[in-house]
N, C-alpha and C. Protein backbone atom coordinates (compact mmCIF):
# COMPACT_ATOMS: atom_id res chain seq x y z
N TYR A 1 -16.88 -125.25 -39.16
CA TYR A 1 -16.02 -126.28 -38.55
C TYR A 1 -15.26 -127.02 -39.63
N VAL A 2 -13.93 -127.06 -39.54
CA VAL A 2 -13.08 -127.75 -40.50
C VAL A 2 -12.35 -128.88 -39.78
N ARG A 3 -12.48 -130.09 -40.28
CA ARG A 3 -11.86 -131.24 -39.64
C ARG A 3 -10.35 -131.19 -39.76
N SER A 4 -9.67 -131.86 -38.81
CA SER A 4 -8.22 -131.95 -38.83
C SER A 4 -7.75 -132.59 -40.13
N GLY A 5 -6.71 -131.99 -40.75
CA GLY A 5 -6.22 -132.52 -42.01
C GLY A 5 -6.81 -131.82 -43.22
N TYR A 6 -7.85 -131.00 -42.98
CA TYR A 6 -8.51 -130.30 -44.08
C TYR A 6 -8.08 -128.83 -44.15
N ALA A 7 -7.04 -128.47 -43.43
CA ALA A 7 -6.57 -127.09 -43.42
C ALA A 7 -5.07 -127.04 -43.21
N CYS A 8 -4.46 -125.96 -43.69
CA CYS A 8 -3.04 -125.71 -43.46
C CYS A 8 -2.81 -124.20 -43.49
N LYS A 9 -1.68 -123.76 -43.00
CA LYS A 9 -1.42 -122.33 -42.86
C LYS A 9 -0.09 -121.96 -43.50
N SER A 10 -0.04 -120.81 -44.13
CA SER A 10 1.18 -120.24 -44.68
C SER A 10 1.14 -118.73 -44.47
N GLY A 11 2.04 -118.22 -43.61
CA GLY A 11 2.03 -116.79 -43.32
C GLY A 11 0.71 -116.37 -42.70
N LYS A 12 0.06 -115.37 -43.28
CA LYS A 12 -1.21 -114.87 -42.75
C LYS A 12 -2.42 -115.55 -43.36
N ASN A 13 -2.20 -116.55 -44.21
CA ASN A 13 -3.31 -117.22 -44.90
C ASN A 13 -3.52 -118.65 -44.41
N ILE A 14 -4.79 -119.00 -44.22
CA ILE A 14 -5.17 -120.37 -43.91
C ILE A 14 -5.93 -120.93 -45.11
N TYR A 15 -5.53 -122.10 -45.57
CA TYR A 15 -6.19 -122.77 -46.68
C TYR A 15 -7.00 -123.94 -46.12
N PHE A 16 -8.27 -124.05 -46.53
CA PHE A 16 -9.09 -125.11 -45.96
C PHE A 16 -10.16 -125.59 -46.95
N ALA A 17 -10.67 -126.79 -46.68
CA ALA A 17 -11.73 -127.37 -47.49
C ALA A 17 -12.71 -128.07 -46.56
N PHE A 18 -13.98 -128.09 -46.93
CA PHE A 18 -14.99 -128.79 -46.15
C PHE A 18 -15.18 -130.20 -46.69
N THR A 19 -15.60 -131.11 -45.80
CA THR A 19 -15.90 -132.48 -46.23
C THR A 19 -17.12 -132.46 -47.13
N SER A 20 -16.98 -133.01 -48.34
CA SER A 20 -18.10 -133.03 -49.27
C SER A 20 -17.85 -134.07 -50.36
N THR A 21 -18.93 -134.69 -50.84
CA THR A 21 -18.84 -135.63 -51.96
C THR A 21 -19.58 -135.08 -53.19
N LYS A 22 -19.79 -133.77 -53.22
CA LYS A 22 -20.46 -133.15 -54.36
C LYS A 22 -19.59 -133.28 -55.61
N LYS A 23 -20.14 -132.93 -56.77
CA LYS A 23 -19.44 -133.08 -58.04
C LYS A 23 -18.13 -132.30 -58.05
N SER A 24 -18.13 -131.14 -57.44
CA SER A 24 -16.92 -130.32 -57.39
C SER A 24 -16.97 -129.46 -56.14
N THR A 25 -15.90 -129.45 -55.36
CA THR A 25 -15.87 -128.66 -54.14
C THR A 25 -14.66 -127.73 -54.15
N PRO A 26 -14.76 -126.56 -53.57
CA PRO A 26 -13.67 -125.59 -53.60
C PRO A 26 -12.72 -125.70 -52.42
N ILE A 27 -11.56 -125.09 -52.59
CA ILE A 27 -10.64 -124.83 -51.49
C ILE A 27 -10.68 -123.33 -51.24
N TYR A 28 -10.69 -122.92 -49.97
CA TYR A 28 -10.75 -121.51 -49.64
C TYR A 28 -9.43 -121.02 -49.03
N LYS A 29 -9.17 -119.73 -49.24
CA LYS A 29 -8.06 -119.06 -48.59
C LYS A 29 -8.63 -118.00 -47.66
N PHE A 30 -8.25 -118.07 -46.38
CA PHE A 30 -8.75 -117.13 -45.39
C PHE A 30 -7.59 -116.32 -44.82
N ASN A 31 -7.67 -114.99 -44.96
CA ASN A 31 -6.65 -114.10 -44.44
C ASN A 31 -6.97 -113.78 -42.97
N VAL A 32 -6.08 -114.18 -42.06
CA VAL A 32 -6.37 -114.03 -40.63
C VAL A 32 -6.32 -112.57 -40.19
N LYS A 33 -5.70 -111.68 -40.94
CA LYS A 33 -5.63 -110.27 -40.57
C LYS A 33 -6.84 -109.49 -41.07
N THR A 34 -7.23 -109.74 -42.31
CA THR A 34 -8.36 -108.99 -42.89
C THR A 34 -9.69 -109.68 -42.68
N GLY A 35 -9.67 -111.00 -42.44
CA GLY A 35 -10.91 -111.76 -42.30
C GLY A 35 -11.57 -112.06 -43.63
N LYS A 36 -10.85 -111.83 -44.73
CA LYS A 36 -11.41 -112.04 -46.06
C LYS A 36 -11.22 -113.49 -46.50
N ARG A 37 -12.28 -114.06 -47.07
CA ARG A 37 -12.24 -115.43 -47.57
C ARG A 37 -12.48 -115.46 -49.07
N VAL A 38 -11.62 -116.14 -49.82
CA VAL A 38 -11.77 -116.25 -51.27
C VAL A 38 -11.50 -117.70 -51.69
N LYS A 39 -12.04 -118.08 -52.83
CA LYS A 39 -11.79 -119.42 -53.36
C LYS A 39 -10.41 -119.47 -54.02
N VAL A 40 -9.75 -120.59 -53.87
CA VAL A 40 -8.48 -120.81 -54.56
C VAL A 40 -8.79 -121.23 -55.99
N ALA A 41 -8.20 -120.54 -56.96
CA ALA A 41 -8.44 -120.85 -58.36
C ALA A 41 -7.82 -122.20 -58.72
N ILE A 42 -8.62 -123.05 -59.38
CA ILE A 42 -8.14 -124.34 -59.86
C ILE A 42 -8.54 -124.46 -61.33
N LYS A 43 -7.56 -124.49 -62.22
CA LYS A 43 -7.82 -124.44 -63.65
C LYS A 43 -7.89 -125.83 -64.30
N ARG A 44 -8.77 -125.94 -65.29
CA ARG A 44 -8.83 -127.06 -66.23
C ARG A 44 -9.17 -128.42 -65.62
N VAL A 45 -9.51 -128.46 -64.35
CA VAL A 45 -9.88 -129.75 -63.76
C VAL A 45 -10.84 -129.49 -62.59
N LYS A 46 -11.84 -130.35 -62.45
CA LYS A 46 -12.78 -130.25 -61.35
C LYS A 46 -12.49 -131.38 -60.37
N LEU A 47 -12.30 -131.02 -59.11
CA LEU A 47 -11.92 -131.99 -58.10
C LEU A 47 -12.90 -131.96 -56.92
N LYS A 48 -12.90 -133.02 -56.15
CA LYS A 48 -13.77 -133.10 -54.97
C LYS A 48 -13.05 -133.86 -53.86
N GLU A 49 -13.62 -133.80 -52.68
CA GLU A 49 -13.12 -134.54 -51.51
C GLU A 49 -11.66 -134.21 -51.20
N PHE A 50 -11.35 -132.93 -51.09
CA PHE A 50 -9.99 -132.50 -50.74
C PHE A 50 -9.67 -132.92 -49.31
N LYS A 51 -8.49 -133.48 -49.11
CA LYS A 51 -8.05 -133.87 -47.78
C LYS A 51 -6.54 -133.68 -47.64
N HIS A 52 -6.08 -133.63 -46.40
CA HIS A 52 -4.65 -133.62 -46.08
C HIS A 52 -3.90 -132.52 -46.82
N LEU A 53 -4.32 -131.29 -46.57
CA LEU A 53 -3.71 -130.13 -47.21
C LEU A 53 -2.39 -129.76 -46.54
N SER A 54 -1.42 -129.37 -47.35
CA SER A 54 -0.17 -128.79 -46.84
C SER A 54 0.35 -127.83 -47.90
N THR A 55 1.18 -126.88 -47.51
CA THR A 55 1.66 -125.88 -48.45
C THR A 55 3.06 -125.42 -48.11
N ASP A 56 3.79 -125.01 -49.15
CA ASP A 56 5.11 -124.40 -48.96
C ASP A 56 5.05 -122.90 -49.26
N GLY A 57 3.82 -122.37 -49.42
CA GLY A 57 3.63 -120.96 -49.72
C GLY A 57 3.44 -120.68 -51.20
N LYS A 58 4.01 -121.53 -52.04
CA LYS A 58 3.88 -121.38 -53.49
C LYS A 58 2.88 -122.37 -54.06
N TYR A 59 2.94 -123.59 -53.55
CA TYR A 59 2.04 -124.65 -54.01
C TYR A 59 1.23 -125.20 -52.84
N LEU A 60 0.06 -125.72 -53.18
CA LEU A 60 -0.77 -126.42 -52.22
C LEU A 60 -0.77 -127.90 -52.60
N TYR A 61 -0.51 -128.76 -51.64
CA TYR A 61 -0.49 -130.20 -51.88
C TYR A 61 -1.67 -130.83 -51.15
N CYS A 62 -2.33 -131.78 -51.80
CA CYS A 62 -3.50 -132.39 -51.18
C CYS A 62 -3.84 -133.69 -51.88
N SER A 63 -4.76 -134.44 -51.28
CA SER A 63 -5.35 -135.58 -51.97
C SER A 63 -6.76 -135.18 -52.38
N ALA A 64 -7.21 -135.70 -53.52
CA ALA A 64 -8.55 -135.39 -54.02
C ALA A 64 -8.94 -136.40 -55.09
N ARG A 65 -10.21 -136.37 -55.44
CA ARG A 65 -10.70 -137.22 -56.52
C ARG A 65 -11.20 -136.35 -57.67
N PRO A 66 -11.03 -136.80 -58.90
CA PRO A 66 -11.66 -136.08 -60.02
C PRO A 66 -13.16 -136.03 -59.80
N ALA A 67 -13.79 -134.94 -60.19
CA ALA A 67 -15.22 -134.73 -59.91
C ALA A 67 -16.12 -135.84 -60.44
N LYS A 68 -15.77 -136.43 -61.58
CA LYS A 68 -16.61 -137.46 -62.19
C LYS A 68 -16.20 -138.86 -61.79
N SER A 69 -15.26 -138.98 -60.88
CA SER A 69 -14.72 -140.29 -60.52
C SER A 69 -15.35 -140.80 -59.23
N LEU A 70 -15.59 -142.10 -59.17
CA LEU A 70 -16.05 -142.76 -57.96
C LEU A 70 -14.95 -143.62 -57.36
N GLY A 71 -13.79 -143.61 -58.02
CA GLY A 71 -12.75 -144.54 -57.64
C GLY A 71 -11.55 -143.93 -56.97
N CYS A 72 -10.46 -143.83 -57.71
CA CYS A 72 -9.16 -143.57 -57.12
C CYS A 72 -8.97 -142.14 -56.63
N THR A 73 -8.20 -142.03 -55.54
CA THR A 73 -7.78 -140.74 -55.02
C THR A 73 -6.34 -140.49 -55.45
N TYR A 74 -6.04 -139.24 -55.81
CA TYR A 74 -4.72 -138.88 -56.29
C TYR A 74 -4.12 -137.78 -55.43
N ILE A 75 -2.80 -137.66 -55.52
CA ILE A 75 -2.09 -136.56 -54.89
C ILE A 75 -1.93 -135.44 -55.93
N TYR A 76 -2.32 -134.22 -55.58
CA TYR A 76 -2.25 -133.09 -56.50
C TYR A 76 -1.36 -131.98 -55.95
N ARG A 77 -0.79 -131.22 -56.90
CA ARG A 77 -0.07 -129.99 -56.56
C ARG A 77 -0.76 -128.84 -57.29
N ILE A 78 -1.17 -127.82 -56.53
CA ILE A 78 -1.90 -126.69 -57.09
C ILE A 78 -1.06 -125.42 -56.93
N ASN A 79 -0.81 -124.72 -58.03
CA ASN A 79 -0.08 -123.46 -57.99
C ASN A 79 -1.02 -122.39 -57.43
N LEU A 80 -0.66 -121.81 -56.29
CA LEU A 80 -1.55 -120.86 -55.63
C LEU A 80 -1.67 -119.53 -56.37
N LYS A 81 -0.74 -119.24 -57.26
CA LYS A 81 -0.78 -117.98 -58.00
C LYS A 81 -1.53 -118.13 -59.32
N THR A 82 -1.27 -119.22 -60.04
CA THR A 82 -1.86 -119.39 -61.38
C THR A 82 -3.06 -120.32 -61.40
N GLY A 83 -3.19 -121.19 -60.38
CA GLY A 83 -4.29 -122.15 -60.37
C GLY A 83 -4.03 -123.41 -61.18
N SER A 84 -2.86 -123.52 -61.79
CA SER A 84 -2.54 -124.71 -62.56
C SER A 84 -2.39 -125.90 -61.62
N THR A 85 -2.83 -127.06 -62.09
CA THR A 85 -2.88 -128.25 -61.25
C THR A 85 -2.11 -129.39 -61.90
N LYS A 86 -1.37 -130.12 -61.08
CA LYS A 86 -0.60 -131.26 -61.58
C LYS A 86 -0.90 -132.49 -60.72
N ARG A 87 -1.25 -133.59 -61.40
CA ARG A 87 -1.45 -134.85 -60.69
C ARG A 87 -0.10 -135.52 -60.50
N LEU A 88 0.22 -135.83 -59.24
CA LEU A 88 1.55 -136.35 -58.94
C LEU A 88 1.60 -137.86 -58.79
N ALA A 89 0.57 -138.46 -58.18
CA ALA A 89 0.60 -139.90 -57.92
C ALA A 89 -0.75 -140.38 -57.44
N LYS A 90 -0.97 -141.70 -57.51
CA LYS A 90 -2.12 -142.30 -56.86
C LYS A 90 -1.78 -142.45 -55.38
N GLY A 91 -2.69 -142.01 -54.51
CA GLY A 91 -2.38 -142.16 -53.10
C GLY A 91 -3.24 -141.30 -52.21
N ILE A 92 -3.00 -141.39 -50.91
CA ILE A 92 -3.75 -140.65 -49.91
C ILE A 92 -2.79 -140.12 -48.84
N LYS A 93 -3.29 -139.26 -47.99
CA LYS A 93 -2.58 -138.73 -46.82
C LYS A 93 -1.20 -138.13 -47.16
N PRO A 94 -1.13 -137.22 -48.12
CA PRO A 94 0.17 -136.61 -48.43
C PRO A 94 0.64 -135.68 -47.32
N THR A 95 1.92 -135.72 -47.04
CA THR A 95 2.55 -134.83 -46.06
C THR A 95 3.80 -134.24 -46.67
N LEU A 96 3.92 -132.92 -46.65
CA LEU A 96 5.10 -132.24 -47.18
C LEU A 96 6.18 -132.27 -46.13
N VAL A 97 7.29 -132.94 -46.43
CA VAL A 97 8.41 -133.08 -45.50
C VAL A 97 9.68 -132.66 -46.23
N GLY A 98 10.23 -131.49 -45.86
CA GLY A 98 11.39 -130.99 -46.58
C GLY A 98 11.03 -130.72 -48.03
N ASN A 99 11.79 -131.29 -48.96
CA ASN A 99 11.49 -131.13 -50.39
C ASN A 99 10.87 -132.37 -50.98
N LYS A 100 10.26 -133.20 -50.13
CA LYS A 100 9.62 -134.42 -50.60
C LYS A 100 8.19 -134.50 -50.08
N ILE A 101 7.39 -135.32 -50.76
CA ILE A 101 6.03 -135.59 -50.33
C ILE A 101 5.96 -137.04 -49.90
N ILE A 102 5.54 -137.26 -48.65
CA ILE A 102 5.34 -138.60 -48.13
C ILE A 102 3.85 -138.92 -48.20
N PHE A 103 3.47 -140.08 -48.72
CA PHE A 103 2.05 -140.43 -48.81
C PHE A 103 1.86 -141.94 -48.73
N GLU A 104 0.63 -142.33 -48.45
CA GLU A 104 0.29 -143.75 -48.42
C GLU A 104 -0.27 -144.16 -49.76
N GLY A 105 0.18 -145.31 -50.25
CA GLY A 105 -0.30 -145.81 -51.53
C GLY A 105 -1.70 -146.41 -51.42
N VAL A 106 -2.29 -146.73 -52.57
CA VAL A 106 -3.60 -147.38 -52.61
C VAL A 106 -3.51 -148.63 -53.47
N LYS A 107 -4.45 -149.53 -53.27
CA LYS A 107 -4.51 -150.76 -54.05
C LYS A 107 -5.96 -151.04 -54.41
N THR A 108 -6.16 -151.86 -55.43
CA THR A 108 -7.53 -152.21 -55.84
C THR A 108 -8.05 -153.36 -54.99
N GLN A 109 -9.35 -153.33 -54.75
CA GLN A 109 -10.00 -154.39 -53.99
C GLN A 109 -11.32 -154.72 -54.66
N LYS A 110 -11.57 -156.01 -54.86
CA LYS A 110 -12.78 -156.44 -55.55
C LYS A 110 -13.99 -156.16 -54.68
N VAL A 111 -15.04 -155.61 -55.31
CA VAL A 111 -16.26 -155.27 -54.57
C VAL A 111 -17.25 -156.41 -54.60
N ASN A 112 -17.47 -157.01 -55.80
CA ASN A 112 -18.44 -158.09 -55.93
C ASN A 112 -18.06 -159.00 -57.11
N ASP A 113 -18.90 -159.94 -57.38
CA ASP A 113 -18.63 -160.92 -58.44
C ASP A 113 -18.78 -160.33 -59.84
N ASP A 114 -19.28 -159.10 -59.94
CA ASP A 114 -19.42 -158.44 -61.25
C ASP A 114 -18.12 -157.77 -61.68
N LEU A 115 -17.03 -158.13 -60.99
CA LEU A 115 -15.69 -157.62 -61.29
C LEU A 115 -15.58 -156.11 -61.08
N ARG A 116 -16.40 -155.59 -60.16
CA ARG A 116 -16.26 -154.18 -59.78
C ARG A 116 -15.17 -154.05 -58.73
N TYR A 117 -14.39 -152.99 -58.84
CA TYR A 117 -13.27 -152.79 -57.93
C TYR A 117 -13.35 -151.41 -57.28
N THR A 118 -12.74 -151.28 -56.13
CA THR A 118 -12.60 -150.00 -55.48
C THR A 118 -11.15 -149.86 -55.02
N TYR A 119 -10.78 -148.67 -54.59
CA TYR A 119 -9.41 -148.43 -54.13
C TYR A 119 -9.40 -148.30 -52.61
N VAL A 120 -8.47 -148.97 -51.97
CA VAL A 120 -8.36 -148.94 -50.52
C VAL A 120 -6.90 -148.66 -50.15
N PRO A 121 -6.63 -148.17 -48.93
CA PRO A 121 -5.24 -147.92 -48.52
C PRO A 121 -4.40 -149.19 -48.58
N SER A 122 -3.18 -149.06 -49.05
CA SER A 122 -2.29 -150.22 -49.19
C SER A 122 -1.50 -150.51 -47.93
N GLY A 123 -1.42 -149.51 -47.02
CA GLY A 123 -0.63 -149.69 -45.82
C GLY A 123 0.86 -149.49 -46.04
N LYS A 124 1.24 -149.05 -47.25
CA LYS A 124 2.64 -148.82 -47.58
C LYS A 124 2.87 -147.35 -47.88
N ASP A 125 3.94 -146.78 -47.34
CA ASP A 125 4.26 -145.37 -47.55
C ASP A 125 5.31 -145.20 -48.65
N TYR A 126 5.18 -144.08 -49.37
CA TYR A 126 6.11 -143.77 -50.46
C TYR A 126 6.51 -142.30 -50.36
N GLN A 127 7.57 -141.94 -51.08
CA GLN A 127 7.98 -140.56 -51.19
C GLN A 127 8.25 -140.22 -52.64
N ILE A 128 7.95 -138.98 -53.01
CA ILE A 128 8.24 -138.46 -54.34
C ILE A 128 8.76 -137.03 -54.16
N PRO A 129 9.51 -136.51 -55.14
CA PRO A 129 9.92 -135.10 -55.08
C PRO A 129 8.70 -134.18 -55.13
N GLN A 130 8.84 -132.95 -54.67
CA GLN A 130 7.72 -132.00 -54.66
C GLN A 130 7.11 -131.81 -56.04
N GLU A 131 7.95 -131.82 -57.07
CA GLU A 131 7.45 -131.59 -58.43
C GLU A 131 6.92 -132.86 -59.07
N GLY A 132 6.94 -133.98 -58.35
CA GLY A 132 6.49 -135.25 -58.89
C GLY A 132 7.66 -136.07 -59.41
N GLY A 133 7.41 -137.30 -59.75
CA GLY A 133 8.47 -138.18 -60.25
C GLY A 133 8.27 -139.59 -59.77
N ARG A 134 9.31 -140.38 -59.90
CA ARG A 134 9.23 -141.78 -59.52
C ARG A 134 9.06 -141.93 -58.01
N ARG A 135 8.11 -142.76 -57.61
CA ARG A 135 7.90 -142.96 -56.18
C ARG A 135 8.90 -143.98 -55.64
N GLN A 136 9.27 -143.79 -54.39
CA GLN A 136 10.18 -144.70 -53.71
C GLN A 136 9.58 -145.11 -52.38
N PRO A 137 9.70 -146.37 -52.02
CA PRO A 137 9.13 -146.82 -50.74
C PRO A 137 9.85 -146.18 -49.55
N VAL A 138 9.11 -145.97 -48.48
CA VAL A 138 9.66 -145.40 -47.25
C VAL A 138 9.33 -146.34 -46.10
N SER A 139 10.35 -146.73 -45.35
CA SER A 139 10.11 -147.55 -44.17
C SER A 139 9.68 -146.64 -43.04
N HIS A 140 8.75 -147.10 -42.23
CA HIS A 140 8.25 -146.24 -41.16
C HIS A 140 7.70 -147.06 -40.01
N VAL A 141 7.53 -146.39 -38.92
CA VAL A 141 6.82 -146.93 -37.76
C VAL A 141 5.66 -145.99 -37.52
N GLU A 142 4.47 -146.52 -37.39
CA GLU A 142 3.29 -145.66 -37.22
C GLU A 142 2.61 -145.93 -35.88
N VAL A 143 2.25 -144.87 -35.22
CA VAL A 143 1.46 -144.97 -33.99
C VAL A 143 0.13 -144.30 -34.25
N SER A 144 -0.95 -145.01 -34.06
CA SER A 144 -2.26 -144.47 -34.36
C SER A 144 -2.60 -143.32 -33.42
N ALA A 145 -3.14 -142.24 -33.99
CA ALA A 145 -3.53 -141.09 -33.18
C ALA A 145 -4.78 -141.40 -32.35
N GLU A 146 -5.48 -142.51 -32.71
CA GLU A 146 -6.68 -142.87 -31.97
C GLU A 146 -6.35 -143.65 -30.69
N THR A 147 -5.12 -144.11 -30.56
CA THR A 147 -4.74 -144.85 -29.36
C THR A 147 -3.65 -144.10 -28.62
N SER A 148 -3.68 -144.16 -27.32
CA SER A 148 -2.70 -143.44 -26.52
C SER A 148 -1.33 -144.05 -26.69
N CYS A 149 -0.34 -143.22 -26.98
CA CYS A 149 1.02 -143.73 -27.10
C CYS A 149 1.94 -142.99 -26.13
N ARG A 150 1.36 -142.28 -25.18
CA ARG A 150 2.17 -141.54 -24.22
C ARG A 150 2.95 -142.52 -23.33
N GLY A 151 4.23 -142.29 -23.21
CA GLY A 151 5.07 -143.15 -22.40
C GLY A 151 5.46 -144.44 -23.08
N THR A 152 4.97 -144.68 -24.30
CA THR A 152 5.28 -145.90 -25.04
C THR A 152 6.46 -145.67 -25.96
N LYS A 153 7.40 -146.59 -25.96
CA LYS A 153 8.57 -146.48 -26.82
C LYS A 153 8.32 -147.19 -28.15
N VAL A 154 8.68 -146.52 -29.25
CA VAL A 154 8.47 -147.06 -30.58
C VAL A 154 9.83 -147.20 -31.26
N ALA A 155 10.17 -148.40 -31.70
CA ALA A 155 11.48 -148.65 -32.29
C ALA A 155 11.50 -148.26 -33.76
N SER A 156 12.58 -147.65 -34.19
CA SER A 156 12.82 -147.34 -35.61
C SER A 156 14.32 -147.38 -35.83
N GLY A 157 14.78 -148.47 -36.43
CA GLY A 157 16.22 -148.63 -36.63
C GLY A 157 16.92 -148.81 -35.29
N LYS A 158 17.98 -148.04 -35.08
CA LYS A 158 18.76 -148.16 -33.85
C LYS A 158 18.23 -147.27 -32.73
N TYR A 159 17.18 -146.51 -33.00
CA TYR A 159 16.63 -145.59 -32.00
C TYR A 159 15.25 -146.04 -31.52
N LYS A 160 14.87 -145.51 -30.37
CA LYS A 160 13.51 -145.64 -29.85
C LYS A 160 12.97 -144.24 -29.61
N TYR A 161 11.72 -144.02 -29.98
CA TYR A 161 11.08 -142.73 -29.81
C TYR A 161 9.92 -142.91 -28.84
N TYR A 162 9.67 -141.92 -28.01
CA TYR A 162 8.53 -142.01 -27.12
C TYR A 162 8.01 -140.63 -26.75
N ILE A 163 6.71 -140.58 -26.49
CA ILE A 163 6.04 -139.35 -26.05
C ILE A 163 5.98 -139.36 -24.53
N THR A 164 6.32 -138.25 -23.92
CA THR A 164 6.27 -138.16 -22.46
C THR A 164 4.82 -138.25 -21.97
N LYS A 165 4.66 -138.57 -20.71
CA LYS A 165 3.33 -138.79 -20.16
C LYS A 165 2.44 -137.55 -20.19
N ASP A 166 3.06 -136.36 -20.21
CA ASP A 166 2.25 -135.14 -20.30
C ASP A 166 1.84 -134.82 -21.73
N GLY A 167 2.32 -135.62 -22.70
CA GLY A 167 1.92 -135.45 -24.10
C GLY A 167 2.47 -134.23 -24.78
N LYS A 168 3.60 -133.69 -24.28
CA LYS A 168 4.13 -132.44 -24.83
C LYS A 168 5.52 -132.57 -25.46
N LYS A 169 6.17 -133.72 -25.30
CA LYS A 169 7.52 -133.88 -25.82
C LYS A 169 7.72 -135.27 -26.41
N ILE A 170 8.61 -135.33 -27.42
CA ILE A 170 9.04 -136.61 -27.97
C ILE A 170 10.55 -136.70 -27.80
N TYR A 171 10.99 -137.81 -27.24
CA TYR A 171 12.42 -138.06 -27.07
C TYR A 171 12.89 -139.19 -27.98
N ARG A 172 14.13 -139.08 -28.43
CA ARG A 172 14.78 -140.16 -29.17
C ARG A 172 15.83 -140.79 -28.25
N GLN A 173 15.78 -142.09 -28.11
CA GLN A 173 16.65 -142.77 -27.16
C GLN A 173 17.46 -143.87 -27.84
N ARG A 174 18.73 -143.96 -27.44
CA ARG A 174 19.60 -145.05 -27.86
C ARG A 174 20.41 -145.48 -26.64
N GLY A 175 20.12 -146.67 -26.15
CA GLY A 175 20.74 -147.10 -24.90
C GLY A 175 20.27 -146.23 -23.75
N LYS A 176 21.20 -145.69 -22.99
CA LYS A 176 20.86 -144.80 -21.88
C LYS A 176 20.84 -143.34 -22.29
N SER A 177 21.27 -143.05 -23.52
CA SER A 177 21.30 -141.67 -24.01
C SER A 177 19.97 -141.29 -24.66
N LYS A 178 19.47 -140.09 -24.35
CA LYS A 178 18.23 -139.63 -24.96
C LYS A 178 18.34 -138.17 -25.37
N LYS A 179 17.54 -137.78 -26.38
CA LYS A 179 17.58 -136.42 -26.92
C LYS A 179 16.17 -135.94 -27.21
N LEU A 180 15.87 -134.71 -26.81
CA LEU A 180 14.57 -134.10 -27.11
C LEU A 180 14.52 -133.75 -28.60
N VAL A 181 13.54 -134.28 -29.34
CA VAL A 181 13.46 -134.04 -30.78
C VAL A 181 12.21 -133.26 -31.17
N CYS A 182 11.23 -133.16 -30.27
CA CYS A 182 10.01 -132.41 -30.60
C CYS A 182 9.33 -131.94 -29.33
N LYS A 183 8.81 -130.70 -29.38
CA LYS A 183 8.09 -130.13 -28.25
C LYS A 183 6.86 -129.40 -28.77
N ALA A 184 5.69 -129.68 -28.21
CA ALA A 184 4.46 -129.05 -28.66
C ALA A 184 3.45 -129.03 -27.52
N LYS A 185 2.34 -128.32 -27.72
CA LYS A 185 1.33 -128.20 -26.67
C LYS A 185 0.64 -129.53 -26.42
N LYS A 186 0.37 -130.28 -27.52
CA LYS A 186 -0.29 -131.57 -27.38
C LYS A 186 0.11 -132.48 -28.52
N ILE A 187 0.64 -133.65 -28.20
CA ILE A 187 1.05 -134.63 -29.21
C ILE A 187 0.28 -135.92 -28.94
N THR A 188 -0.47 -136.39 -29.93
CA THR A 188 -1.27 -137.61 -29.76
C THR A 188 -0.71 -138.79 -30.54
N GLY A 189 0.16 -138.54 -31.50
CA GLY A 189 0.73 -139.61 -32.30
C GLY A 189 1.81 -139.08 -33.21
N PHE A 190 2.58 -139.97 -33.79
CA PHE A 190 3.65 -139.54 -34.70
C PHE A 190 4.04 -140.68 -35.62
N ARG A 191 4.78 -140.33 -36.66
CA ARG A 191 5.30 -141.33 -37.60
C ARG A 191 6.77 -141.03 -37.85
N VAL A 192 7.56 -142.07 -37.95
CA VAL A 192 8.96 -141.94 -38.31
C VAL A 192 9.07 -142.31 -39.78
N LEU A 193 9.36 -141.32 -40.61
CA LEU A 193 9.39 -141.51 -42.06
C LEU A 193 10.79 -141.19 -42.57
N GLY A 194 11.52 -142.25 -42.87
CA GLY A 194 12.90 -142.03 -43.33
C GLY A 194 13.68 -141.27 -42.28
N GLY A 195 14.21 -140.12 -42.64
CA GLY A 195 14.96 -139.30 -41.69
C GLY A 195 14.13 -138.23 -41.03
N TYR A 196 12.80 -138.31 -41.14
CA TYR A 196 11.94 -137.27 -40.61
C TYR A 196 10.96 -137.82 -39.58
N LEU A 197 10.59 -136.95 -38.65
CA LEU A 197 9.57 -137.26 -37.67
C LEU A 197 8.36 -136.40 -38.00
N VAL A 198 7.24 -137.04 -38.33
CA VAL A 198 6.01 -136.32 -38.68
C VAL A 198 5.04 -136.45 -37.53
N VAL A 199 4.66 -135.31 -36.93
CA VAL A 199 3.79 -135.30 -35.76
C VAL A 199 2.39 -134.83 -36.16
């Protein structure tokens, strides 16, 4: 069983990771035609707690923590052919959108009077190029997937977006005019990130 956000697909291959806090955990590649499962090579760095995987077929993007770290989570890019790994930014929940990566930032939070700190979500979204670089803030509207948003209109700029009551379509509305922008078997939530709709 692989939790939502811990797997992604490219062509005939599914990439996935299991929830674990061990010193180092692997990412697997599963070929849906042959049924063969192999570990994805990751060179020169040991990582754990892989989450929010996405891929463009050449690279795998995810959030993870260094194996010896108890603190910050970073966004990584892993070359699927060579196994080389690049740390792109501090953050969580990376999503590959076009040629950019959208992710939520993190901030430090004091744990106790001994000046110990931990990292928690900042509630602010950013974007960076696929290859990494300077982060830029992204304005967004977020609807929690844990709460029903069917039939609810969500404002973003001059438009309103809403999920139909059957949970299969998202419409963009301006005044009396509306346009179908997404259709799927089941939609529980979405985010408007810059010029993109992430479902």
